[in-house]
Amino acid sequence: MSSTVLGLVRASHPEPTAAVTAVAALLAAGVGHSVGGVAVVTLTVAASQFTVGWTNDLLDAERDALVGRTDKPVAAGTVGRRTVTVAAALAAAATVALALSTNPVAALWAVTGLLSALLYNWPLKSTVISVLPYAVSFGALPAFVVSALPGAPFPPGWLPAAAGLLGAGAHFANVLPDFADDARTGVHGLPHRLGPTGSRIAAIGLLIAATVTLALGPPGPPSGVGLAAVVAAVVIPTLAWYAGRTAGHGAARPVAVFRAAMLVALIDVVLLVASGRLI
């Protein structure tokens, strides 16, 4: 793999990109898309995620260089800004084109999610409403997946609501490893105003709320799988919080709660697929 390709992969925020794309693929299969439909949904979401990740690294390059983030290819100079800019533009165009290949309603949801995420990158990242783009973009994801089905059905309200709660929780978890760096570079989003403890509480509370919504939202009594998912949503972030605290201040950038959020997201998708009651 060439250094440029490797740099682009690293600049795309590969962990969340892979996780969100996997969520989209599993959701698409769960709601009944054909193999071709699953492929289109997956590629659309992947392109959108690449756009957001690359744009984020471009906008944050100076901040990342200031705090010595050698894991950031643009800031470290291992991949050129022009290369990443072109890649982000192509990915954005691919997102729109792929989404339009489904139907206009689904395309609107996909573009809404993309634009919301880009607005987080600039200018909302350092504002009191920094959580809003996460909630909107995550909520738009299942709405896109469902409405991309033939006939463009409208998603049940509990589905984007649960995804929005999950996205909001992911925002608070995502910021936790970067508190020290963000303080040095003047980033003051909602998690920074609440502080590390408040953000951990918000992340865990929102993740639990998302899972409860998924367990109780579909018609009928909650399944055993749904109840087990609620237990997991309580236990996993709590253990991650404890692991992060016991790691000590001298540990490398803590990512325990962030990774717990990604794991709970995948558990929630399994809950959705297993329920068989999405639409």
C-alpha atoms as a PDB file:
ATOM      1  CA  MET A   1       0.000   0.000   0.000  1.00  0.00           C
ATOM      2  CA  SER A   2       1.448   3.381  -1.003  1.00  0.00           C
ATOM      3  CA  SER A   3       2.138   6.019   1.616  1.00  0.00           C
ATOM      4  CA  THR A   4      -0.519   8.280   0.057  1.00  0.00           C
ATOM      5  CA  VAL A   5      -3.233   5.623   0.228  1.00  0.00           C
ATOM      6  CA  LEU A   6      -2.219   4.704   3.768  1.00  0.00           C
ATOM      7  CA  GLY A   7      -2.283   8.372   4.737  1.00  0.00           C
ATOM      8  CA  LEU A   8      -5.774   8.799   3.280  1.00  0.00           C
ATOM      9  CA  VAL A   9      -6.999   5.755   5.188  1.00  0.00           C
ATOM     10  CA  ARG A  10      -5.580   7.067   8.450  1.00  0.00           C
ATOM     11  CA  ALA A  11      -6.984  10.560   7.794  1.00  0.00           C
ATOM     12  CA  SER A  12     -10.476   9.152   7.239  1.00  0.00           C
ATOM     13  CA  HIS A  13     -10.941   8.366  10.950  1.00  0.00           C
ATOM     14  CA  PRO A  14     -10.999   4.637  10.141  1.00  0.00           C
ATOM     15  CA  GLU A  15     -12.496   3.339  13.402  1.00  0.00           C
ATOM     16  CA  PRO A  16     -15.737   5.382  13.386  1.00  0.00           C
ATOM     17  CA  THR A  17     -15.917   5.209   9.584  1.00  0.00           C
ATOM     18  CA  ALA A  18     -15.810   1.414   9.641  1.00  0.00           C
ATOM     19  CA  ALA A  19     -18.246   1.229  12.569  1.00  0.00           C
ATOM     20  CA  VAL A  20     -20.871   3.546  11.058  1.00  0.00           C
ATOM     21  CA  THR A  21     -20.585   1.865   7.659  1.00  0.00           C
ATOM     22  CA  ALA A  22     -21.047  -1.558   9.276  1.00  0.00           C
ATOM     23  CA  VAL A  23     -24.101  -0.212  11.108  1.00  0.00           C
ATOM     24  CA  ALA A  24     -25.582   0.947   7.803  1.00  0.00           C
ATOM     25  CA  ALA A  25     -24.921  -2.398   6.110  1.00  0.00           C
ATOM     26  CA  LEU A  26     -26.499  -4.394   8.927  1.00  0.00           C
ATOM     27  CA  LEU A  27     -29.488  -2.069   9.075  1.00  0.00           C
ATOM     28  CA  ALA A  28     -29.990  -2.324   5.341  1.00  0.00           C
ATOM     29  CA  ALA A  29     -29.981  -6.110   5.527  1.00  0.00           C
ATOM     30  CA  GLY A  30     -32.292  -6.053   8.551  1.00  0.00           C
ATOM     31  CA  VAL A  31     -34.973  -3.907   6.943  1.00  0.00           C
ATOM     32  CA  GLY A  32     -35.112  -6.087   3.843  1.00  0.00           C
ATOM     33  CA  HIS A  33     -32.941  -4.485   1.176  1.00  0.00           C
ATOM     34  CA  SER A  34     -31.846  -6.664  -1.714  1.00  0.00           C
ATOM     35  CA  VAL A  35     -28.146  -7.449  -2.090  1.00  0.00           C
ATOM     36  CA  GLY A  36     -27.859  -4.572  -4.526  1.00  0.00           C
ATOM     37  CA  GLY A  37     -29.720  -2.274  -2.141  1.00  0.00           C
ATOM     38  CA  VAL A  38     -27.416  -3.185   0.729  1.00  0.00           C
ATOM     39  CA  ALA A  39     -24.418  -2.435  -1.484  1.00  0.00           C
ATOM     40  CA  VAL A  40     -25.741   0.995  -2.504  1.00  0.00           C
ATOM     41  CA  VAL A  41     -26.604   1.943   1.078  1.00  0.00           C
ATOM     42  CA  THR A  42     -23.212   0.774   2.319  1.00  0.00           C
ATOM     43  CA  LEU A  43     -21.280   2.634  -0.368  1.00  0.00           C
ATOM     44  CA  THR A  44     -23.310   5.810   0.192  1.00  0.00           C
ATOM     45  CA  VAL A  45     -22.628   5.816   3.916  1.00  0.00           C
ATOM     46  CA  ALA A  46     -18.954   4.923   3.425  1.00  0.00           C
ATOM     47  CA  ALA A  47     -18.498   7.812   0.978  1.00  0.00           C
ATOM     48  CA  SER A  48     -20.228  10.168   3.390  1.00  0.00           C
ATOM     49  CA  GLN A  49     -18.014   9.034   6.249  1.00  0.00           C
ATOM     50  CA  PHE A  50     -14.877   9.489   4.161  1.00  0.00           C
ATOM     51  CA  THR A  51     -16.008  13.024   3.307  1.00  0.00           C
ATOM     52  CA  VAL A  52     -16.544  13.919   6.941  1.00  0.00           C
ATOM     53  CA  GLY A  53     -13.325  12.317   8.173  1.00  0.00           C
ATOM     54  CA  TRP A  54     -11.101  13.902   5.561  1.00  0.00           C
ATOM     55  CA  THR A  55     -12.727  17.317   5.973  1.00  0.00           C
ATOM     56  CA  ASN A  56     -12.288  17.082   9.720  1.00  0.00           C
ATOM     57  CA  ASP A  57      -8.571  16.355   9.410  1.00  0.00           C
ATOM     58  CA  LEU A  58      -8.122  19.217   6.946  1.00  0.00           C
ATOM     59  CA  LEU A  59      -9.841  21.731   9.212  1.00  0.00           C
ATOM     60  CA  ASP A  60      -8.054  20.472  12.331  1.00  0.00           C
ATOM     61  CA  ALA A  61      -4.587  20.185  10.779  1.00  0.00           C
ATOM     62  CA  GLU A  62      -3.173  23.285  12.446  1.00  0.00           C
ATOM     63  CA  ARG A  63      -4.600  22.329  15.834  1.00  0.00           C
ATOM     64  CA  ASP A  64      -3.333  18.779  15.506  1.00  0.00           C
ATOM     65  CA  ALA A  65       0.155  19.995  14.569  1.00  0.00           C
ATOM     66  CA  LEU A  66       0.173  22.376  17.528  1.00  0.00           C
ATOM     67  CA  VAL A  67      -0.434  19.561  20.011  1.00  0.00           C
ATOM     68  CA  GLY A  68       1.906  17.113  18.286  1.00  0.00           C
ATOM     69  CA  ARG A  69      -0.686  14.674  16.925  1.00  0.00           C
ATOM     70  CA  THR A  70       1.677  12.482  14.884  1.00  0.00           C
ATOM     71  CA  ASP A  71      -1.213  10.054  14.294  1.00  0.00           C
ATOM     72  CA  LYS A  72      -2.879  12.677  12.089  1.00  0.00           C
ATOM     73  CA  PRO A  73      -1.457  12.362   8.545  1.00  0.00           C
ATOM     74  CA  VAL A  74      -2.385  15.857   7.347  1.00  0.00           C
ATOM     75  CA  ALA A  75      -0.876  17.529  10.408  1.00  0.00           C
ATOM     76  CA  ALA A  76       2.199  15.290  10.244  1.00  0.00           C
ATOM     77  CA  GLY A  77       2.683  16.019   6.548  1.00  0.00           C
ATOM     78  CA  THR A  78       2.529  12.383   5.458  1.00  0.00           C
ATOM     79  CA  VAL A  79      -0.271  13.179   3.026  1.00  0.00           C
ATOM     80  CA  GLY A  80      -0.764  16.473   1.227  1.00  0.00           C
ATOM     81  CA  ARG A  81      -3.641  18.852   1.908  1.00  0.00           C
ATOM     82  CA  ARG A  82      -4.471  19.040  -1.795  1.00  0.00           C
ATOM     83  CA  THR A  83      -4.686  15.262  -2.008  1.00  0.00           C
ATOM     84  CA  VAL A  84      -7.064  15.090   0.935  1.00  0.00           C
ATOM     85  CA  THR A  85      -9.119  18.015  -0.395  1.00  0.00           C
ATOM     86  CA  VAL A  86      -9.606  16.319  -3.765  1.00  0.00           C
ATOM     87  CA  ALA A  87     -10.444  13.018  -2.075  1.00  0.00           C
ATOM     88  CA  ALA A  88     -13.037  14.693   0.166  1.00  0.00           C
ATOM     89  CA  ALA A  89     -14.655  16.469  -2.801  1.00  0.00           C
ATOM     90  CA  LEU A  90     -14.860  13.227  -4.790  1.00  0.00           C
ATOM     91  CA  ALA A  91     -16.314  11.381  -1.808  1.00  0.00           C
ATOM     92  CA  ALA A  92     -18.951  14.088  -1.333  1.00  0.00           C
ATOM     93  CA  ALA A  93     -19.938  13.885  -4.998  1.00  0.00           C
ATOM     94  CA  ALA A  94     -20.099  10.084  -4.749  1.00  0.00           C
ATOM     95  CA  THR A  95     -22.347  10.359  -1.682  1.00  0.00           C
ATOM     96  CA  VAL A  96     -24.885  12.479  -3.543  1.00  0.00           C
ATOM     97  CA  ALA A  97     -24.762  10.394  -6.715  1.00  0.00           C
ATOM     98  CA  LEU A  98     -25.152   7.089  -4.890  1.00  0.00           C
ATOM     99  CA  ALA A  99     -27.979   8.429  -2.718  1.00  0.00           C
ATOM    100  CA  LEU A 100     -29.850   9.741  -5.759  1.00  0.00           C
ATOM    101  CA  SER A 101     -29.655   6.270  -7.310  1.00  0.00           C
ATOM    102  CA  THR A 102     -32.168   5.127  -4.657  1.00  0.00           C
ATOM    103  CA  ASN A 103     -34.922   7.768  -4.585  1.00  0.00           C
ATOM    104  CA  PRO A 104     -35.205  11.525  -3.863  1.00  0.00           C
ATOM    105  CA  VAL A 105     -36.536  11.065  -0.312  1.00  0.00           C
ATOM    106  CA  ALA A 106     -33.667   8.812   0.684  1.00  0.00           C
ATOM    107  CA  ALA A 107     -31.200  11.153  -1.007  1.00  0.00           C
ATOM    108  CA  LEU A 108     -32.565  14.037   1.062  1.00  0.00           C
ATOM    109  CA  TRP A 109     -31.924  12.082   4.262  1.00  0.00           C
ATOM    110  CA  ALA A 110     -28.404  11.152   3.150  1.00  0.00           C
ATOM    111  CA  VAL A 111     -27.510  14.723   2.199  1.00  0.00           C
ATOM    112  CA  THR A 112     -29.019  16.035   5.448  1.00  0.00           C
ATOM    113  CA  GLY A 113     -26.802  13.672   7.431  1.00  0.00           C
ATOM    114  CA  LEU A 114     -23.716  14.686   5.461  1.00  0.00           C
ATOM    115  CA  LEU A 115     -24.337  18.426   5.687  1.00  0.00           C
ATOM    116  CA  SER A 116     -25.045  18.187   9.405  1.00  0.00           C
ATOM    117  CA  ALA A 117     -21.749  16.378   9.986  1.00  0.00           C
ATOM    118  CA  LEU A 118     -19.854  18.931   7.919  1.00  0.00           C
ATOM    119  CA  LEU A 119     -21.448  21.728   9.950  1.00  0.00           C
ATOM    120  CA  TYR A 120     -20.060  20.062  13.050  1.00  0.00           C
ATOM    121  CA  ASN A 121     -16.572  20.185  11.562  1.00  0.00           C
ATOM    122  CA  TRP A 122     -17.130  23.919  10.993  1.00  0.00           C
ATOM    123  CA  PRO A 123     -18.455  26.043  12.616  1.00  0.00           C
ATOM    124  CA  LEU A 124     -20.431  24.207  15.338  1.00  0.00           C
ATOM    125  CA  LYS A 125     -17.629  22.159  16.891  1.00  0.00           C
ATOM    126  CA  SER A 126     -16.737  24.888  19.372  1.00  0.00           C
ATOM    127  CA  THR A 127     -20.256  25.964  20.287  1.00  0.00           C
ATOM    128  CA  VAL A 128     -22.766  25.029  22.955  1.00  0.00           C
ATOM    129  CA  ILE A 129     -24.829  23.186  20.326  1.00  0.00           C
ATOM    130  CA  SER A 130     -21.948  20.963  19.202  1.00  0.00           C
ATOM    131  CA  VAL A 131     -24.022  17.894  20.076  1.00  0.00           C
ATOM    132  CA  LEU A 132     -26.800  18.808  17.631  1.00  0.00           C
ATOM    133  CA  PRO A 133     -25.046  17.717  14.396  1.00  0.00           C
ATOM    134  CA  TYR A 134     -24.279  14.323  15.926  1.00  0.00           C
ATOM    135  CA  ALA A 135     -27.920  13.812  16.849  1.00  0.00           C
ATOM    136  CA  VAL A 136     -29.144  14.937  13.424  1.00  0.00           C
ATOM    137  CA  SER A 137     -26.608  12.937  11.404  1.00  0.00           C
ATOM    138  CA  PHE A 138     -27.075   9.737  13.383  1.00  0.00           C
ATOM    139  CA  GLY A 139     -30.846  10.155  13.253  1.00  0.00           C
ATOM    140  CA  ALA A 140     -30.709  10.639   9.491  1.00  0.00           C
ATOM    141  CA  LEU A 141     -28.786   7.391   8.998  1.00  0.00           C
ATOM    142  CA  PRO A 142     -31.612   4.894   9.677  1.00  0.00           C
ATOM    143  CA  ALA A 143     -34.070   7.263   8.017  1.00  0.00           C
ATOM    144  CA  PHE A 144     -31.962   7.031   4.858  1.00  0.00           C
ATOM    145  CA  VAL A 145     -31.650   3.248   5.107  1.00  0.00           C
ATOM    146  CA  VAL A 146     -35.416   2.727   5.508  1.00  0.00           C
ATOM    147  CA  SER A 147     -36.525   5.312   2.951  1.00  0.00           C
ATOM    148  CA  ALA A 148     -34.100   3.856   0.384  1.00  0.00           C
ATOM    149  CA  LEU A 149     -36.375   0.804   0.190  1.00  0.00           C
ATOM    150  CA  PRO A 150     -38.725   0.547  -2.821  1.00  0.00           C
ATOM    151  CA  GLY A 151     -41.653   2.903  -2.281  1.00  0.00           C
ATOM    152  CA  ALA A 152     -39.609   5.160   0.050  1.00  0.00           C
ATOM    153  CA  PRO A 153     -41.413   4.163   3.282  1.00  0.00           C
ATOM    154  CA  PHE A 154     -41.232   6.614   6.173  1.00  0.00           C
ATOM    155  CA  PRO A 155     -39.228   5.285   9.143  1.00  0.00           C
ATOM    156  CA  PRO A 156     -41.039   4.703  12.459  1.00  0.00           C
ATOM    157  CA  GLY A 157     -40.380   7.589  14.827  1.00  0.00           C
ATOM    158  CA  TRP A 158     -38.597   5.532  17.466  1.00  0.00           C
ATOM    159  CA  LEU A 159     -35.886   4.500  15.003  1.00  0.00           C
ATOM    160  CA  PRO A 160     -34.316   7.908  14.180  1.00  0.00           C
ATOM    161  CA  ALA A 161     -35.001   9.001  17.774  1.00  0.00           C
ATOM    162  CA  ALA A 162     -32.924   6.109  19.121  1.00  0.00           C
ATOM    163  CA  ALA A 163     -30.191   6.753  16.566  1.00  0.00           C
ATOM    164  CA  GLY A 164     -30.131  10.446  17.471  1.00  0.00           C
ATOM    165  CA  LEU A 165     -29.696   9.594  21.150  1.00  0.00           C
ATOM    166  CA  LEU A 166     -26.931   7.197  20.202  1.00  0.00           C
ATOM    167  CA  GLY A 167     -25.215   9.892  18.144  1.00  0.00           C
ATOM    168  CA  ALA A 168     -25.441  12.416  20.958  1.00  0.00           C
ATOM    169  CA  GLY A 169     -23.913   9.886  23.333  1.00  0.00           C
ATOM    170  CA  ALA A 170     -21.159   9.159  20.829  1.00  0.00           C
ATOM    171  CA  HIS A 171     -20.335  12.882  20.685  1.00  0.00           C
ATOM    172  CA  PHE A 172     -19.662  13.091  24.406  1.00  0.00           C
ATOM    173  CA  ALA A 173     -17.695   9.839  24.321  1.00  0.00           C
ATOM    174  CA  ASN A 174     -15.719  10.885  21.237  1.00  0.00           C
ATOM    175  CA  VAL A 175     -14.446  14.074  22.859  1.00  0.00           C
ATOM    176  CA  LEU A 176     -13.168  12.378  26.027  1.00  0.00           C
ATOM    177  CA  PRO A 177      -9.735  11.379  24.657  1.00  0.00           C
ATOM    178  CA  ASP A 178      -9.099  14.921  23.370  1.00  0.00           C
ATOM    179  CA  PHE A 179      -9.955  17.107  26.371  1.00  0.00           C
ATOM    180  CA  ALA A 180      -6.356  18.119  27.070  1.00  0.00           C
ATOM    181  CA  ASP A 181      -5.539  18.807  23.411  1.00  0.00           C
ATOM    182  CA  ASP A 182      -8.791  20.713  22.867  1.00  0.00           C
ATOM    183  CA  ALA A 183      -8.124  22.886  25.911  1.00  0.00           C
ATOM    184  CA  ARG A 184      -4.759  23.888  24.451  1.00  0.00           C
ATOM    185  CA  THR A 185      -6.259  24.843  21.107  1.00  0.00           C
ATOM    186  CA  GLY A 186      -9.420  26.637  22.205  1.00  0.00           C
ATOM    187  CA  VAL A 187     -12.146  24.115  21.377  1.00  0.00           C
ATOM    188  CA  HIS A 188     -15.128  24.730  23.672  1.00  0.00           C
ATOM    189  CA  GLY A 189     -18.024  22.547  22.576  1.00  0.00           C
ATOM    190  CA  LEU A 190     -20.772  21.369  24.904  1.00  0.00           C
ATOM    191  CA  PRO A 191     -18.712  18.453  26.328  1.00  0.00           C
ATOM    192  CA  HIS A 192     -15.887  20.844  27.225  1.00  0.00           C
ATOM    193  CA  ARG A 193     -18.320  23.073  29.070  1.00  0.00           C
ATOM    194  CA  LEU A 194     -19.624  20.078  31.043  1.00  0.00           C
ATOM    195  CA  GLY A 195     -16.126  18.751  31.738  1.00  0.00           C
ATOM    196  CA  PRO A 196     -14.841  15.143  31.672  1.00  0.00           C
ATOM    197  CA  THR A 197     -17.094  13.861  34.450  1.00  0.00           C
ATOM    198  CA  GLY A 198     -20.204  15.531  33.088  1.00  0.00           C
ATOM    199  CA  SER A 199     -19.411  14.259  29.594  1.00  0.00           C
ATOM    200  CA  ARG A 200     -18.959  10.697  30.813  1.00  0.00           C
ATOM    201  CA  ILE A 201     -22.309  10.866  32.595  1.00  0.00           C
ATOM    202  CA  ALA A 202     -23.958  12.354  29.488  1.00  0.00           C
ATOM    203  CA  ALA A 203     -22.422   9.705  27.213  1.00  0.00           C
ATOM    204  CA  ILE A 204     -23.511   6.799  29.378  1.00  0.00           C
ATOM    205  CA  GLY A 205     -26.991   8.239  29.995  1.00  0.00           C
ATOM    206  CA  LEU A 206     -27.632   8.893  26.312  1.00  0.00           C
ATOM    207  CA  LEU A 207     -26.402   5.443  25.296  1.00  0.00           C
ATOM    208  CA  ILE A 208     -28.700   3.813  27.816  1.00  0.00           C
ATOM    209  CA  ALA A 209     -31.616   5.970  26.612  1.00  0.00           C
ATOM    210  CA  ALA A 210     -30.917   4.954  23.009  1.00  0.00           C
ATOM    211  CA  THR A 211     -30.944   1.268  23.850  1.00  0.00           C
ATOM    212  CA  VAL A 212     -34.106   1.539  25.949  1.00  0.00           C
ATOM    213  CA  THR A 213     -35.796   3.310  23.018  1.00  0.00           C
ATOM    214  CA  LEU A 214     -34.762   0.501  20.688  1.00  0.00           C
ATOM    215  CA  ALA A 215     -35.972  -2.141  23.129  1.00  0.00           C
ATOM    216  CA  LEU A 216     -39.338  -0.518  23.858  1.00  0.00           C
ATOM    217  CA  GLY A 217     -40.023   1.337  20.605  1.00  0.00           C
ATOM    218  CA  PRO A 218     -41.223  -1.483  18.334  1.00  0.00           C
ATOM    219  CA  PRO A 219     -44.811  -2.705  18.777  1.00  0.00           C
ATOM    220  CA  GLY A 220     -45.385  -5.464  21.293  1.00  0.00           C
ATOM    221  CA  PRO A 221     -43.558  -6.437  24.467  1.00  0.00           C
ATOM    222  CA  PRO A 222     -39.753  -6.084  24.550  1.00  0.00           C
ATOM    223  CA  SER A 223     -37.855  -9.196  23.538  1.00  0.00           C
ATOM    224  CA  GLY A 224     -35.294 -10.996  25.642  1.00  0.00           C
ATOM    225  CA  VAL A 225     -32.646  -9.773  23.222  1.00  0.00           C
ATOM    226  CA  GLY A 226     -33.827  -6.204  23.777  1.00  0.00           C
ATOM    227  CA  LEU A 227     -33.647  -6.508  27.540  1.00  0.00           C
ATOM    228  CA  ALA A 228     -30.185  -8.068  27.283  1.00  0.00           C
ATOM    229  CA  ALA A 229     -29.105  -5.134  25.106  1.00  0.00           C
ATOM    230  CA  VAL A 230     -30.289  -2.697  27.785  1.00  0.00           C
ATOM    231  CA  VAL A 231     -28.205  -4.535  30.376  1.00  0.00           C
ATOM    232  CA  ALA A 232     -25.195  -4.437  28.040  1.00  0.00           C
ATOM    233  CA  ALA A 233     -25.688  -0.708  27.434  1.00  0.00           C
ATOM    234  CA  VAL A 234     -25.500  -0.152  31.182  1.00  0.00           C
ATOM    235  CA  VAL A 235     -22.592  -2.496  31.905  1.00  0.00           C
ATOM    236  CA  ILE A 236     -20.225  -1.833  28.969  1.00  0.00           C
ATOM    237  CA  PRO A 237     -19.872   1.977  29.273  1.00  0.00           C
ATOM    238  CA  THR A 238     -19.711   1.701  33.062  1.00  0.00           C
ATOM    239  CA  LEU A 239     -16.828  -0.760  32.841  1.00  0.00           C
ATOM    240  CA  ALA A 240     -15.170   1.440  30.228  1.00  0.00           C
ATOM    241  CA  TRP A 241     -15.477   4.448  32.521  1.00  0.00           C
ATOM    242  CA  TYR A 242     -13.901   2.473  35.353  1.00  0.00           C
ATOM    243  CA  ALA A 243     -11.095   1.266  33.062  1.00  0.00           C
ATOM    244  CA  GLY A 244     -10.424   4.818  31.960  1.00  0.00           C
ATOM    245  CA  ARG A 245     -10.234   6.058  35.524  1.00  0.00           C
ATOM    246  CA  THR A 246      -7.926   3.274  36.713  1.00  0.00           C
ATOM    247  CA  ALA A 247      -5.590   3.818  33.731  1.00  0.00           C
ATOM    248  CA  GLY A 248      -4.386   6.991  35.418  1.00  0.00           C
ATOM    249  CA  HIS A 249      -3.451  10.405  34.099  1.00  0.00           C
ATOM    250  CA  GLY A 250      -0.181   9.171  32.659  1.00  0.00           C
ATOM    251  CA  ALA A 251      -1.818   6.782  30.228  1.00  0.00           C
ATOM    252  CA  ALA A 252      -1.921   7.423  26.490  1.00  0.00           C
ATOM    253  CA  ARG A 253      -5.006   9.170  25.114  1.00  0.00           C
ATOM    254  CA  PRO A 254      -7.900   7.312  26.784  1.00  0.00           C
ATOM    255  CA  VAL A 255     -10.409   5.920  24.312  1.00  0.00           C
ATOM    256  CA  ALA A 256     -12.223   3.385  26.490  1.00  0.00           C
ATOM    257  CA  VAL A 257     -15.597   5.156  26.656  1.00  0.00           C
ATOM    258  CA  PHE A 258     -15.418   6.073  22.951  1.00  0.00           C
ATOM    259  CA  ARG A 259     -14.834   2.458  21.955  1.00  0.00           C
ATOM    260  CA  ALA A 260     -17.585   1.390  24.348  1.00  0.00           C
ATOM    261  CA  ALA A 261     -19.933   3.734  22.473  1.00  0.00           C
ATOM    262  CA  MET A 262     -19.020   2.054  19.178  1.00  0.00           C
ATOM    263  CA  LEU A 263     -19.602  -1.371  20.733  1.00  0.00           C
ATOM    264  CA  VAL A 264     -22.993  -0.363  22.128  1.00  0.00           C
ATOM    265  CA  ALA A 265     -23.882   0.995  18.661  1.00  0.00           C
ATOM    266  CA  LEU A 266     -23.188  -2.396  17.123  1.00  0.00           C
ATOM    267  CA  ILE A 267     -25.163  -4.133  19.880  1.00  0.00           C
ATOM    268  CA  ASP A 268     -28.083  -1.816  19.114  1.00  0.00           C
ATOM    269  CA  VAL A 269     -27.909  -2.761  15.442  1.00  0.00           C
ATOM    270  CA  VAL A 270     -27.977  -6.448  16.376  1.00  0.00           C
ATOM    271  CA  LEU A 271     -31.066  -5.643  18.446  1.00  0.00           C
ATOM    272  CA  LEU A 272     -32.671  -3.956  15.438  1.00  0.00           C
ATOM    273  CA  VAL A 273     -31.889  -6.841  13.084  1.00  0.00           C
ATOM    274  CA  ALA A 274     -33.004  -9.487  15.598  1.00  0.00           C
ATOM    275  CA  SER A 275     -36.310  -7.753  16.360  1.00  0.00           C
ATOM    276  CA  GLY A 276     -37.566  -8.025  12.777  1.00  0.00           C
ATOM    277  CA  ARG A 277     -40.028  -5.201  13.526  1.00  0.00           C
ATOM    278  CA  LEU A 278     -38.373  -2.179  12.002  1.00  0.00           C
ATOM    279  CA  ILE A 279     -41.091  -1.164   9.561  1.00  0.00           C
END
